[in-house]
Structures are given as structure tokens and as C-alpha cells.
Amino acid sequence: MPTPNHNPRPPQASALRRITDHAKITACILGLTALWTLILLALDWTNTPWIGLA
């Protein structure tokens, strides 16, 4: 019978997972930003007149 205070996961593991999730979100945002920048540059190279809207 486990003790009442028994935690199956140490608190460091959940903190590490939170940091990992945050890193994944940050990487996703950076990736999308880089992709959007490449799209805008490609549109700029094609001399689209509406590039100023972005």
C-alpha cells in the first residue's frame, strides 16, 4: 500500500515537461514566423503590389 504522500513523478519531471512544452511552442512560433517571412520575401521578389498590406 503506497504512502499518502507518494508522488509517482518527481516535481522536477513535471517542471521539465513544462519547459519542454514551452520550448515546443516557441519553436513552432519561430518556425511559422520564418515561414511567413519567406513567403513575404517570395511575394516581394515577384513584385506583387499588395506586399505593403502585410
Protein backbone atom coordinates (compact mmCIF):
# COMPACT_ATOMS: atom_id res chain seq x y z
CA MET A 1 0.00 0.00 0.00
CA PRO A 2 1.62 3.27 -1.07
CA THR A 3 2.12 6.11 1.35
CA PRO A 4 -0.37 9.02 1.13
CA ASN A 5 2.39 11.43 0.11
CA HIS A 6 3.67 9.14 -2.62
CA ASN A 7 4.10 11.08 -5.84
CA PRO A 8 4.64 8.81 -8.87
CA ARG A 9 6.52 11.60 -10.63
CA PRO A 10 9.09 13.91 -9.02
CA PRO A 11 8.26 17.63 -9.34
CA GLN A 12 11.36 18.18 -11.45
CA ALA A 13 9.91 15.96 -14.18
CA SER A 14 6.72 18.00 -14.50
CA ALA A 15 8.72 21.24 -14.48
CA LEU A 16 10.96 19.83 -17.19
CA ARG A 17 7.91 18.84 -19.23
CA ARG A 18 6.51 22.37 -18.84
CA ILE A 19 9.80 23.80 -20.09
CA THR A 20 9.78 21.31 -22.98
CA ASP A 21 6.21 22.24 -23.92
CA HIS A 22 7.14 25.93 -23.79
CA ALA A 23 10.16 25.24 -25.99
CA LYS A 24 7.96 23.39 -28.49
CA ILE A 25 5.51 26.30 -28.61
CA THR A 26 8.35 28.79 -29.02
CA ALA A 27 9.93 26.71 -31.78
CA CYS A 28 6.57 26.45 -33.53
CA ILE A 29 6.05 30.22 -33.37
CA LEU A 30 9.58 30.86 -34.63
CA GLY A 31 9.09 28.34 -37.43
CA LEU A 32 5.82 29.93 -38.51
CA THR A 33 7.40 33.39 -38.36
CA ALA A 34 10.31 32.24 -40.51
CA LEU A 35 7.91 30.59 -42.96
CA TRP A 36 5.77 33.74 -43.18
CA THR A 37 8.93 35.82 -43.73
CA LEU A 38 10.00 33.53 -46.57
CA ILE A 39 6.52 33.79 -48.11
CA LEU A 40 6.62 37.59 -47.90
CA LEU A 41 10.11 37.66 -49.42
CA ALA A 42 8.97 35.38 -52.25
CA LEU A 43 5.97 37.63 -52.89
CA ASP A 44 8.26 40.66 -52.79
CA TRP A 45 10.52 39.03 -55.39
CA THR A 46 7.52 38.57 -57.67
CA ASN A 47 6.79 42.32 -57.26
CA THR A 48 3.24 41.89 -56.05
CA PRO A 49 1.69 45.34 -55.44
CA TRP A 50 -0.09 44.28 -52.23
CA ILE A 51 3.10 43.42 -50.33
CA GLY A 52 2.66 46.62 -48.33
CA LEU A 53 -0.52 45.25 -46.75
CA ALA A 54 1.41 42.72 -44.67
